[in-house]
Amino acid sequence: MEGAQALLAAQAADAIVGFLHRVHRQEQTVSSDVRLEYADNEEFNDYVDEAHETIFIFDLDYRPSDVLFNVDREVYRSALKEYEAESEVEPDEDNGTSDEGATP
């Protein structure tokens, strides 16, 4: 390849890689920016409220899950993801194994 052709090929490759990288980053951003609604996660909110005490300020009381949601949305989102992951992996009480018919 001549110098000009090699430069063109290198610049084209660089442009393609840059484009693919930007598209990949945008997809990750879009998925994390999905609208998070407090009311959509009632089970998780109850879990947070049971794990932490009600927050009292003057004569007002606040649910811990509501405070977390409104004060630090990223921590709320992260804790929600962990909660969902743990809920999916919980071991079954009866995992299909039985001592009946087993020989010692």
N, C-alpha and C. Protein backbone atom coordinates (compact mmCIF):
# COMPACT_ATOMS: atom_id res chain seq x y z
N MET A 1 0.83 -1.18 0.00
CA MET A 1 0.00 0.00 0.00
C MET A 1 0.88 1.24 0.00
N GLU A 2 0.44 2.20 -0.73
CA GLU A 2 1.12 3.49 -0.74
C GLU A 2 0.83 4.22 0.56
N GLY A 3 1.59 5.23 0.87
CA GLY A 3 1.43 5.98 2.12
C GLY A 3 0.05 6.59 2.26
N ALA A 4 -0.47 7.17 1.18
CA ALA A 4 -1.79 7.81 1.24
C ALA A 4 -2.89 6.78 1.46
N GLN A 5 -2.76 5.63 0.82
CA GLN A 5 -3.75 4.57 0.98
C GLN A 5 -3.72 3.98 2.40
N ALA A 6 -2.53 3.82 2.92
CA ALA A 6 -2.38 3.30 4.28
C ALA A 6 -2.98 4.28 5.29
N LEU A 7 -2.76 5.57 5.09
CA LEU A 7 -3.33 6.59 5.96
C LEU A 7 -4.85 6.58 5.89
N LEU A 8 -5.39 6.46 4.67
CA LEU A 8 -6.84 6.40 4.51
C LEU A 8 -7.41 5.18 5.23
N ALA A 9 -6.78 4.02 5.08
CA ALA A 9 -7.25 2.80 5.73
C ALA A 9 -7.20 2.94 7.25
N ALA A 10 -6.13 3.53 7.78
CA ALA A 10 -5.99 3.71 9.22
C ALA A 10 -7.05 4.68 9.76
N GLN A 11 -7.29 5.77 9.05
CA GLN A 11 -8.29 6.74 9.48
C GLN A 11 -9.69 6.15 9.41
N ALA A 12 -9.97 5.37 8.38
CA ALA A 12 -11.28 4.72 8.27
C ALA A 12 -11.50 3.74 9.42
N ALA A 13 -10.47 2.94 9.71
CA ALA A 13 -10.57 1.99 10.82
C ALA A 13 -10.78 2.73 12.13
N ASP A 14 -10.06 3.83 12.33
CA ASP A 14 -10.20 4.63 13.55
C ASP A 14 -11.61 5.20 13.66
N ALA A 15 -12.16 5.67 12.56
CA ALA A 15 -13.52 6.23 12.56
C ALA A 15 -14.54 5.15 12.90
N ILE A 16 -14.38 3.97 12.35
CA ILE A 16 -15.32 2.87 12.61
C ILE A 16 -15.26 2.44 14.07
N VAL A 17 -14.06 2.28 14.60
CA VAL A 17 -13.90 1.88 15.99
C VAL A 17 -14.48 2.96 16.92
N GLY A 18 -14.22 4.21 16.62
CA GLY A 18 -14.78 5.30 17.42
C GLY A 18 -16.29 5.30 17.40
N PHE A 19 -16.86 5.08 16.22
CA PHE A 19 -18.31 5.03 16.10
C PHE A 19 -18.89 3.88 16.92
N LEU A 20 -18.32 2.70 16.80
CA LEU A 20 -18.81 1.54 17.55
C LEU A 20 -18.69 1.76 19.05
N HIS A 21 -17.62 2.39 19.47
CA HIS A 21 -17.43 2.67 20.90
C HIS A 21 -18.51 3.63 21.41
N ARG A 22 -18.79 4.69 20.65
CA ARG A 22 -19.82 5.65 21.05
C ARG A 22 -21.19 5.00 21.11
N VAL A 23 -21.52 4.17 20.14
CA VAL A 23 -22.81 3.49 20.13
C VAL A 23 -22.93 2.58 21.35
N HIS A 24 -21.86 1.85 21.66
CA HIS A 24 -21.87 0.97 22.82
C HIS A 24 -22.08 1.77 24.10
N ARG A 25 -21.41 2.89 24.26
CA ARG A 25 -21.56 3.72 25.46
C ARG A 25 -22.96 4.30 25.56
N GLN A 26 -23.55 4.69 24.43
CA GLN A 26 -24.90 5.24 24.44
C GLN A 26 -25.92 4.19 24.86
N GLU A 27 -25.74 2.96 24.42
CA GLU A 27 -26.66 1.89 24.80
C GLU A 27 -26.62 1.66 26.30
N GLN A 28 -25.44 1.72 26.90
CA GLN A 28 -25.32 1.55 28.34
C GLN A 28 -25.99 2.71 29.07
N THR A 29 -25.83 3.90 28.57
CA THR A 29 -26.43 5.08 29.19
C THR A 29 -27.94 5.02 29.11
N VAL A 30 -28.48 4.63 27.98
CA VAL A 30 -29.92 4.55 27.80
C VAL A 30 -30.52 3.55 28.78
N SER A 31 -29.90 2.38 28.95
CA SER A 31 -30.45 1.38 29.84
C SER A 31 -30.44 1.84 31.29
N SER A 32 -29.44 2.61 31.71
CA SER A 32 -29.41 3.08 33.08
C SER A 32 -30.31 4.30 33.29
N ASP A 33 -30.69 4.97 32.21
CA ASP A 33 -31.57 6.12 32.32
C ASP A 33 -33.04 5.77 32.19
N VAL A 34 -33.35 4.48 32.13
CA VAL A 34 -34.75 4.07 32.06
C VAL A 34 -35.43 4.65 33.29
N ARG A 35 -36.57 5.21 33.07
CA ARG A 35 -37.29 5.91 34.14
C ARG A 35 -37.56 4.97 35.30
N LEU A 36 -37.02 5.31 36.46
CA LEU A 36 -37.20 4.54 37.68
C LEU A 36 -38.33 5.17 38.47
N GLU A 37 -39.36 4.39 38.74
CA GLU A 37 -40.51 4.89 39.48
C GLU A 37 -40.56 4.23 40.85
N TYR A 38 -40.75 5.03 41.88
CA TYR A 38 -40.80 4.53 43.25
C TYR A 38 -41.93 3.52 43.43
N ALA A 39 -43.09 3.82 42.91
CA ALA A 39 -44.28 2.98 43.10
C ALA A 39 -44.17 1.63 42.38
N ASP A 40 -43.26 1.50 41.43
CA ASP A 40 -43.12 0.26 40.68
C ASP A 40 -42.37 -0.82 41.46
N ASN A 41 -41.81 -0.48 42.61
CA ASN A 41 -40.96 -1.42 43.35
C ASN A 41 -41.45 -1.59 44.79
N GLU A 42 -42.71 -1.88 44.93
CA GLU A 42 -43.33 -1.96 46.25
C GLU A 42 -42.68 -3.02 47.15
N GLU A 43 -42.37 -4.18 46.59
CA GLU A 43 -41.77 -5.25 47.38
C GLU A 43 -40.38 -4.83 47.90
N PHE A 44 -39.58 -4.23 47.04
CA PHE A 44 -38.27 -3.75 47.45
C PHE A 44 -38.41 -2.64 48.49
N ASN A 45 -39.35 -1.72 48.28
CA ASN A 45 -39.55 -0.64 49.24
C ASN A 45 -39.92 -1.18 50.61
N ASP A 46 -40.78 -2.19 50.65
CA ASP A 46 -41.14 -2.82 51.92
C ASP A 46 -39.92 -3.46 52.57
N TYR A 47 -39.08 -4.09 51.77
CA TYR A 47 -37.85 -4.71 52.28
C TYR A 47 -36.95 -3.66 52.92
N VAL A 48 -36.75 -2.53 52.25
CA VAL A 48 -35.91 -1.46 52.79
C VAL A 48 -36.53 -0.91 54.07
N ASP A 49 -37.85 -0.71 54.08
CA ASP A 49 -38.52 -0.15 55.25
C ASP A 49 -38.44 -1.09 56.45
N GLU A 50 -38.49 -2.39 56.21
CA GLU A 50 -38.38 -3.35 57.31
C GLU A 50 -36.95 -3.42 57.84
N ALA A 51 -35.97 -3.20 56.97
CA ALA A 51 -34.56 -3.30 57.37
C ALA A 51 -34.06 -2.05 58.10
N HIS A 52 -34.78 -0.93 57.96
CA HIS A 52 -34.33 0.34 58.56
C HIS A 52 -35.47 1.00 59.29
N GLU A 53 -35.12 1.78 60.29
CA GLU A 53 -36.13 2.46 61.10
C GLU A 53 -36.73 3.65 60.36
N THR A 54 -37.96 3.97 60.71
CA THR A 54 -38.62 5.14 60.16
C THR A 54 -37.82 6.38 60.55
N ILE A 55 -37.77 7.33 59.64
CA ILE A 55 -37.00 8.55 59.86
C ILE A 55 -37.95 9.65 60.33
N PHE A 56 -37.64 10.21 61.51
CA PHE A 56 -38.48 11.26 62.09
C PHE A 56 -37.75 12.59 62.04
N ILE A 57 -38.42 13.60 61.49
CA ILE A 57 -37.90 14.96 61.48
C ILE A 57 -39.03 15.86 61.96
N PHE A 58 -38.82 16.49 63.11
CA PHE A 58 -39.86 17.26 63.80
C PHE A 58 -41.07 16.35 64.00
N ASP A 59 -42.22 16.75 63.53
CA ASP A 59 -43.43 15.94 63.72
C ASP A 59 -43.74 15.07 62.51
N LEU A 60 -42.80 14.96 61.60
CA LEU A 60 -43.03 14.21 60.36
C LEU A 60 -42.26 12.90 60.39
N ASP A 61 -42.84 11.88 59.77
CA ASP A 61 -42.10 10.62 59.65
C ASP A 61 -42.04 10.24 58.18
N TYR A 62 -40.90 9.62 57.82
CA TYR A 62 -40.63 9.28 56.43
C TYR A 62 -40.21 7.82 56.32
N ARG A 63 -40.64 7.19 55.25
CA ARG A 63 -40.23 5.81 54.98
C ARG A 63 -38.78 5.83 54.51
N PRO A 64 -37.94 4.93 55.04
CA PRO A 64 -36.54 4.89 54.60
C PRO A 64 -36.39 4.70 53.09
N SER A 65 -37.25 3.87 52.50
CA SER A 65 -37.16 3.65 51.05
C SER A 65 -37.45 4.92 50.27
N ASP A 66 -38.40 5.71 50.75
CA ASP A 66 -38.76 6.96 50.08
C ASP A 66 -37.62 7.97 50.19
N VAL A 67 -37.00 8.02 51.36
CA VAL A 67 -35.87 8.93 51.55
C VAL A 67 -34.72 8.53 50.63
N LEU A 68 -34.40 7.24 50.61
CA LEU A 68 -33.31 6.77 49.75
C LEU A 68 -33.60 7.08 48.29
N PHE A 69 -34.81 6.82 47.85
CA PHE A 69 -35.20 7.07 46.46
C PHE A 69 -35.02 8.54 46.09
N ASN A 70 -35.43 9.43 46.98
CA ASN A 70 -35.40 10.85 46.66
C ASN A 70 -34.07 11.54 46.94
N VAL A 71 -33.25 10.95 47.81
CA VAL A 71 -31.98 11.56 48.14
C VAL A 71 -30.85 11.06 47.26
N ASP A 72 -30.81 9.75 47.02
CA ASP A 72 -29.71 9.18 46.23
C ASP A 72 -30.25 8.10 45.30
N ARG A 73 -30.72 8.51 44.15
CA ARG A 73 -31.38 7.61 43.21
C ARG A 73 -30.44 6.51 42.71
N GLU A 74 -29.16 6.81 42.56
CA GLU A 74 -28.22 5.79 42.07
C GLU A 74 -28.00 4.68 43.10
N VAL A 75 -27.91 5.04 44.37
CA VAL A 75 -27.78 4.02 45.42
C VAL A 75 -29.06 3.19 45.48
N TYR A 76 -30.21 3.84 45.35
CA TYR A 76 -31.48 3.13 45.33
C TYR A 76 -31.50 2.14 44.17
N ARG A 77 -31.11 2.59 42.98
CA ARG A 77 -31.09 1.73 41.79
C ARG A 77 -30.15 0.54 41.99
N SER A 78 -28.97 0.81 42.55
CA SER A 78 -27.99 -0.24 42.78
C SER A 78 -28.50 -1.27 43.79
N ALA A 79 -29.08 -0.80 44.89
CA ALA A 79 -29.62 -1.71 45.90
C ALA A 79 -30.79 -2.51 45.33
N LEU A 80 -31.59 -1.90 44.49
CA LEU A 80 -32.71 -2.59 43.85
C LEU A 80 -32.20 -3.71 42.95
N LYS A 81 -31.15 -3.44 42.19
CA LYS A 81 -30.58 -4.46 41.31
C LYS A 81 -30.03 -5.63 42.13
N GLU A 82 -29.35 -5.33 43.24
CA GLU A 82 -28.85 -6.40 44.11
C GLU A 82 -29.99 -7.22 44.69
N TYR A 83 -31.04 -6.54 45.12
CA TYR A 83 -32.21 -7.21 45.68
C TYR A 83 -32.85 -8.13 44.65
N GLU A 84 -33.00 -7.64 43.43
CA GLU A 84 -33.60 -8.45 42.36
C GLU A 84 -32.72 -9.65 42.03
N ALA A 85 -31.41 -9.45 42.02
CA ALA A 85 -30.48 -10.55 41.73
C ALA A 85 -30.55 -11.61 42.82
N GLU A 86 -30.60 -11.19 44.08
CA GLU A 86 -30.69 -12.14 45.19
C GLU A 86 -32.02 -12.87 45.18
N SER A 87 -33.08 -12.18 44.79
CA SER A 87 -34.41 -12.80 44.74
C SER A 87 -34.46 -13.90 43.69
N GLU A 88 -33.73 -13.72 42.59
CA GLU A 88 -33.71 -14.71 41.52
C GLU A 88 -32.90 -15.94 41.90
N VAL A 89 -31.92 -15.79 42.81
CA VAL A 89 -30.99 -16.86 43.12
C VAL A 89 -31.34 -17.58 44.41
N GLU A 90 -32.38 -17.15 45.11
CA GLU A 90 -32.72 -17.78 46.38
C GLU A 90 -32.87 -19.28 46.21
N PRO A 91 -32.24 -20.06 47.10
CA PRO A 91 -32.35 -21.51 46.98
C PRO A 91 -33.74 -21.99 47.35
N ASP A 92 -34.19 -23.03 46.68
CA ASP A 92 -35.49 -23.61 46.98
C ASP A 92 -35.38 -24.41 48.26
N GLU A 93 -36.47 -24.43 49.03
CA GLU A 93 -36.47 -25.25 50.24
C GLU A 93 -36.42 -26.72 49.87
N ASP A 94 -37.11 -27.09 48.81
CA ASP A 94 -37.09 -28.46 48.33
C ASP A 94 -36.40 -28.45 46.98
N ASN A 95 -35.12 -28.79 46.97
CA ASN A 95 -34.35 -28.71 45.74
C ASN A 95 -34.41 -29.98 44.92
N GLY A 96 -35.38 -30.84 45.22
CA GLY A 96 -35.56 -32.04 44.41
C GLY A 96 -34.83 -33.25 44.95
N THR A 97 -34.00 -33.06 45.95
CA THR A 97 -33.31 -34.20 46.53
C THR A 97 -34.10 -34.71 47.69
N SER A 98 -34.07 -35.99 47.90
CA SER A 98 -34.86 -36.60 48.96
C SER A 98 -34.07 -37.75 49.55
N ASP A 99 -34.27 -37.97 50.84
CA ASP A 99 -33.59 -39.08 51.50
C ASP A 99 -34.38 -40.37 51.32
N GLU A 100 -35.63 -40.26 50.85
CA GLU A 100 -36.44 -41.45 50.69
C GLU A 100 -35.85 -42.34 49.60
N GLY A 101 -35.74 -43.61 49.89
CA GLY A 101 -35.27 -44.57 48.91
C GLY A 101 -33.77 -44.56 48.75
N ALA A 102 -33.08 -43.72 49.48
CA ALA A 102 -31.63 -43.67 49.36
C ALA A 102 -31.01 -44.76 50.21
N THR A 103 -29.97 -45.33 49.71
CA THR A 103 -29.28 -46.35 50.48
C THR A 103 -28.08 -45.74 51.15
N PRO A 104 -27.84 -46.09 52.42
CA PRO A 104 -26.71 -45.49 53.13
C PRO A 104 -25.38 -46.01 52.66
